[in-house]
Amino acid sequence: QVQFVESGGGSVQPGGSLRLSCEVSGMTIGPMGWYRRAPGSLRDLVARINIQGVTHYGDSAQGRFTISRDSTKSMVFLQMNNLKPEDSGIYYCYARAYDRQWDDYWGQGTQVSVSS
């Protein structure tokens, strides 16, 4: 069974920074990443990283956010700089994991609020 430990959310003023962390355990982990769900919206990609370290960013994250991972600990990080109010939402840690087959798994989410 996959287990998630997410941390780093909170409230910040526009232009500020936050760093999200997520540790996943329980299965063989493949790609990891972060998704955001804003109020009234679907869950959208923020950033993903595979086991080789190749990254992919959603349009809103390009140039401001950096995703990284520590594969030895199955941890993924999201450094968010120059935050904007539209970055607010619940951020979900994502992992593709193997337990007899590959499936997608999600953490419980951590709240990020950007306002003045």
C-alpha atoms as a PDB file:
ATOM      1  CA  GLN A   1       0.000   0.000   0.000  1.00  0.00           C
ATOM      2  CA  VAL A   2       1.341   3.425  -0.979  1.00  0.00           C
ATOM      3  CA  GLN A   3       1.724   5.990   1.785  1.00  0.00           C
ATOM      4  CA  PHE A   4       2.280   9.727   1.320  1.00  0.00           C
ATOM      5  CA  VAL A   5       3.714  12.309   3.689  1.00  0.00           C
ATOM      6  CA  GLU A   6       3.286  15.827   2.297  1.00  0.00           C
ATOM      7  CA  SER A   7       4.499  19.065   3.856  1.00  0.00           C
ATOM      8  CA  GLY A   8       5.354  22.661   3.068  1.00  0.00           C
ATOM      9  CA  GLY A   9       2.041  24.260   2.223  1.00  0.00           C
ATOM     10  CA  GLY A  10       0.886  27.491   3.800  1.00  0.00           C
ATOM     11  CA  SER A  11       0.028  31.116   3.228  1.00  0.00           C
ATOM     12  CA  VAL A  12       2.304  33.605   1.539  1.00  0.00           C
ATOM     13  CA  GLN A  13       2.110  37.035  -0.048  1.00  0.00           C
ATOM     14  CA  PRO A  14       2.431  37.510  -3.816  1.00  0.00           C
ATOM     15  CA  GLY A  15       6.063  37.297  -4.851  1.00  0.00           C
ATOM     16  CA  GLY A  16       6.904  34.960  -2.001  1.00  0.00           C
ATOM     17  CA  SER A  17       8.200  31.405  -2.062  1.00  0.00           C
ATOM     18  CA  LEU A  18       7.224  28.021  -0.705  1.00  0.00           C
ATOM     19  CA  ARG A  19       8.801  24.576  -0.902  1.00  0.00           C
ATOM     20  CA  LEU A  20       6.626  21.492  -0.937  1.00  0.00           C
ATOM     21  CA  SER A  21       7.953  18.083   0.025  1.00  0.00           C
ATOM     22  CA  CYS A  22       6.473  14.641  -0.379  1.00  0.00           C
ATOM     23  CA  GLU A  23       7.765  11.248   0.662  1.00  0.00           C
ATOM     24  CA  VAL A  24       6.184   8.140  -0.791  1.00  0.00           C
ATOM     25  CA  SER A  25       6.659   4.648   0.561  1.00  0.00           C
ATOM     26  CA  GLY A  26       5.248   1.181   0.220  1.00  0.00           C
ATOM     27  CA  MET A  27       5.840   0.265  -3.421  1.00  0.00           C
ATOM     28  CA  THR A  28       8.245   0.633  -6.309  1.00  0.00           C
ATOM     29  CA  ILE A  29       7.974   4.265  -7.386  1.00  0.00           C
ATOM     30  CA  GLY A  30       8.182   5.539 -10.938  1.00  0.00           C
ATOM     31  CA  PRO A  31       7.341   9.065 -12.035  1.00  0.00           C
ATOM     32  CA  MET A  32       6.385  11.565  -9.335  1.00  0.00           C
ATOM     33  CA  GLY A  33       4.963  15.039  -9.407  1.00  0.00           C
ATOM     34  CA  TRP A  34       2.576  17.696  -8.186  1.00  0.00           C
ATOM     35  CA  TYR A  35      -0.896  18.626  -9.306  1.00  0.00           C
ATOM     36  CA  ARG A  36      -3.038  21.563  -8.181  1.00  0.00           C
ATOM     37  CA  ARG A  37      -6.749  21.886  -7.778  1.00  0.00           C
ATOM     38  CA  ALA A  38      -7.988  25.454  -7.558  1.00  0.00           C
ATOM     39  CA  PRO A  39     -11.489  26.157  -6.209  1.00  0.00           C
ATOM     40  CA  GLY A  40     -14.069  25.224  -8.816  1.00  0.00           C
ATOM     41  CA  SER A  41     -11.473  23.684 -11.124  1.00  0.00           C
ATOM     42  CA  LEU A  42     -10.187  20.285 -12.060  1.00  0.00           C
ATOM     43  CA  ARG A  43      -6.838  18.978 -10.905  1.00  0.00           C
ATOM     44  CA  ASP A  44      -4.137  20.335 -13.216  1.00  0.00           C
ATOM     45  CA  LEU A  45      -0.513  19.397 -13.740  1.00  0.00           C
ATOM     46  CA  VAL A  46       2.038  21.604 -12.015  1.00  0.00           C
ATOM     47  CA  ALA A  47       5.170  19.528 -12.621  1.00  0.00           C
ATOM     48  CA  ARG A  48       6.276  15.924 -13.077  1.00  0.00           C
ATOM     49  CA  ILE A  49       9.645  14.198 -12.936  1.00  0.00           C
ATOM     50  CA  ASN A  50      10.557  10.692 -13.984  1.00  0.00           C
ATOM     51  CA  ILE A  51      13.116   8.373 -12.451  1.00  0.00           C
ATOM     52  CA  GLN A  52      15.801   9.648 -14.838  1.00  0.00           C
ATOM     53  CA  GLY A  53      15.168  13.210 -13.653  1.00  0.00           C
ATOM     54  CA  VAL A  54      13.458  14.397 -16.820  1.00  0.00           C
ATOM     55  CA  THR A  55      10.967  17.111 -15.911  1.00  0.00           C
ATOM     56  CA  HIS A  56       7.758  18.428 -17.403  1.00  0.00           C
ATOM     57  CA  TYR A  57       5.987  21.590 -16.253  1.00  0.00           C
ATOM     58  CA  GLY A  58       2.509  22.948 -16.654  1.00  0.00           C
ATOM     59  CA  ASP A  59       2.288  26.304 -18.390  1.00  0.00           C
ATOM     60  CA  SER A  60       1.736  28.280 -15.190  1.00  0.00           C
ATOM     61  CA  ALA A  61       4.795  26.783 -13.502  1.00  0.00           C
ATOM     62  CA  GLN A  62       7.310  27.403 -16.267  1.00  0.00           C
ATOM     63  CA  GLY A  63      10.160  29.640 -15.146  1.00  0.00           C
ATOM     64  CA  ARG A  64       8.951  30.001 -11.551  1.00  0.00           C
ATOM     65  CA  PHE A  65       8.740  26.484 -10.127  1.00  0.00           C
ATOM     66  CA  THR A  66      11.382  23.778  -9.940  1.00  0.00           C
ATOM     67  CA  ILE A  67      10.673  20.118  -9.319  1.00  0.00           C
ATOM     68  CA  SER A  68      13.318  17.730  -8.035  1.00  0.00           C
ATOM     69  CA  ARG A  69      13.459  14.301  -6.465  1.00  0.00           C
ATOM     70  CA  ASP A  70      15.555  12.136  -4.236  1.00  0.00           C
ATOM     71  CA  SER A  71      14.978   8.699  -5.684  1.00  0.00           C
ATOM     72  CA  THR A  72      16.851   6.939  -2.907  1.00  0.00           C
ATOM     73  CA  LYS A  73      14.171   8.131  -0.511  1.00  0.00           C
ATOM     74  CA  SER A  74      11.262   8.318  -2.997  1.00  0.00           C
ATOM     75  CA  MET A  75      10.880  11.989  -2.236  1.00  0.00           C
ATOM     76  CA  VAL A  76       9.781  14.771  -4.542  1.00  0.00           C
ATOM     77  CA  PHE A  77      10.116  18.504  -3.970  1.00  0.00           C
ATOM     78  CA  LEU A  78       8.553  21.563  -5.522  1.00  0.00           C
ATOM     79  CA  GLN A  79      10.281  24.914  -5.108  1.00  0.00           C
ATOM     80  CA  MET A  80       7.783  27.644  -5.898  1.00  0.00           C
ATOM     81  CA  ASN A  81       9.082  31.186  -6.406  1.00  0.00           C
ATOM     82  CA  ASN A  82       7.389  34.442  -7.334  1.00  0.00           C
ATOM     83  CA  LEU A  83       4.050  33.045  -6.266  1.00  0.00           C
ATOM     84  CA  LYS A  84       0.877  34.609  -7.614  1.00  0.00           C
ATOM     85  CA  PRO A  85      -2.685  34.555  -6.282  1.00  0.00           C
ATOM     86  CA  GLU A  86      -3.678  32.223  -9.112  1.00  0.00           C
ATOM     87  CA  ASP A  87      -1.231  29.645  -7.760  1.00  0.00           C
ATOM     88  CA  SER A  88      -3.523  29.148  -4.774  1.00  0.00           C
ATOM     89  CA  GLY A  89      -5.155  25.771  -4.358  1.00  0.00           C
ATOM     90  CA  ILE A  90      -4.654  22.320  -2.971  1.00  0.00           C
ATOM     91  CA  TYR A  91      -1.426  20.731  -4.154  1.00  0.00           C
ATOM     92  CA  TYR A  92      -1.445  16.953  -4.482  1.00  0.00           C
ATOM     93  CA  CYS A  93       1.612  14.804  -4.556  1.00  0.00           C
ATOM     94  CA  TYR A  94       1.469  12.195  -7.302  1.00  0.00           C
ATOM     95  CA  ALA A  95       3.321   8.959  -7.786  1.00  0.00           C
ATOM     96  CA  ARG A  96       3.067   6.157 -10.291  1.00  0.00           C
ATOM     97  CA  ALA A  97       3.782   3.001  -8.368  1.00  0.00           C
ATOM     98  CA  TYR A  98       4.046  -0.715  -9.011  1.00  0.00           C
ATOM     99  CA  ASP A  99       2.162  -3.334  -7.050  1.00  0.00           C
ATOM    100  CA  ARG A 100       1.467  -6.219  -9.465  1.00  0.00           C
ATOM    101  CA  GLN A 101       0.827  -3.452 -12.028  1.00  0.00           C
ATOM    102  CA  TRP A 102       1.567   0.237 -12.495  1.00  0.00           C
ATOM    103  CA  ASP A 103      -1.110   2.579 -11.104  1.00  0.00           C
ATOM    104  CA  ASP A 104      -1.466   6.262 -10.237  1.00  0.00           C
ATOM    105  CA  TYR A 105      -1.603   7.313  -6.592  1.00  0.00           C
ATOM    106  CA  TRP A 106      -2.283  10.645  -4.880  1.00  0.00           C
ATOM    107  CA  GLY A 107      -1.465  12.174  -1.536  1.00  0.00           C
ATOM    108  CA  GLN A 108      -4.050  13.845   0.670  1.00  0.00           C
ATOM    109  CA  GLY A 109      -3.082  17.333  -0.524  1.00  0.00           C
ATOM    110  CA  THR A 110      -1.595  20.412   1.060  1.00  0.00           C
ATOM    111  CA  GLN A 111      -3.108  23.900   0.901  1.00  0.00           C
ATOM    112  CA  VAL A 112      -1.253  26.804  -0.696  1.00  0.00           C
ATOM    113  CA  SER A 113      -2.738  30.288  -0.362  1.00  0.00           C
ATOM    114  CA  VAL A 114      -1.248  33.340  -2.038  1.00  0.00           C
ATOM    115  CA  SER A 115      -2.805  36.656  -1.118  1.00  0.00           C
ATOM    116  CA  SER A 116      -1.932  40.114   0.099  1.00  0.00           C
END
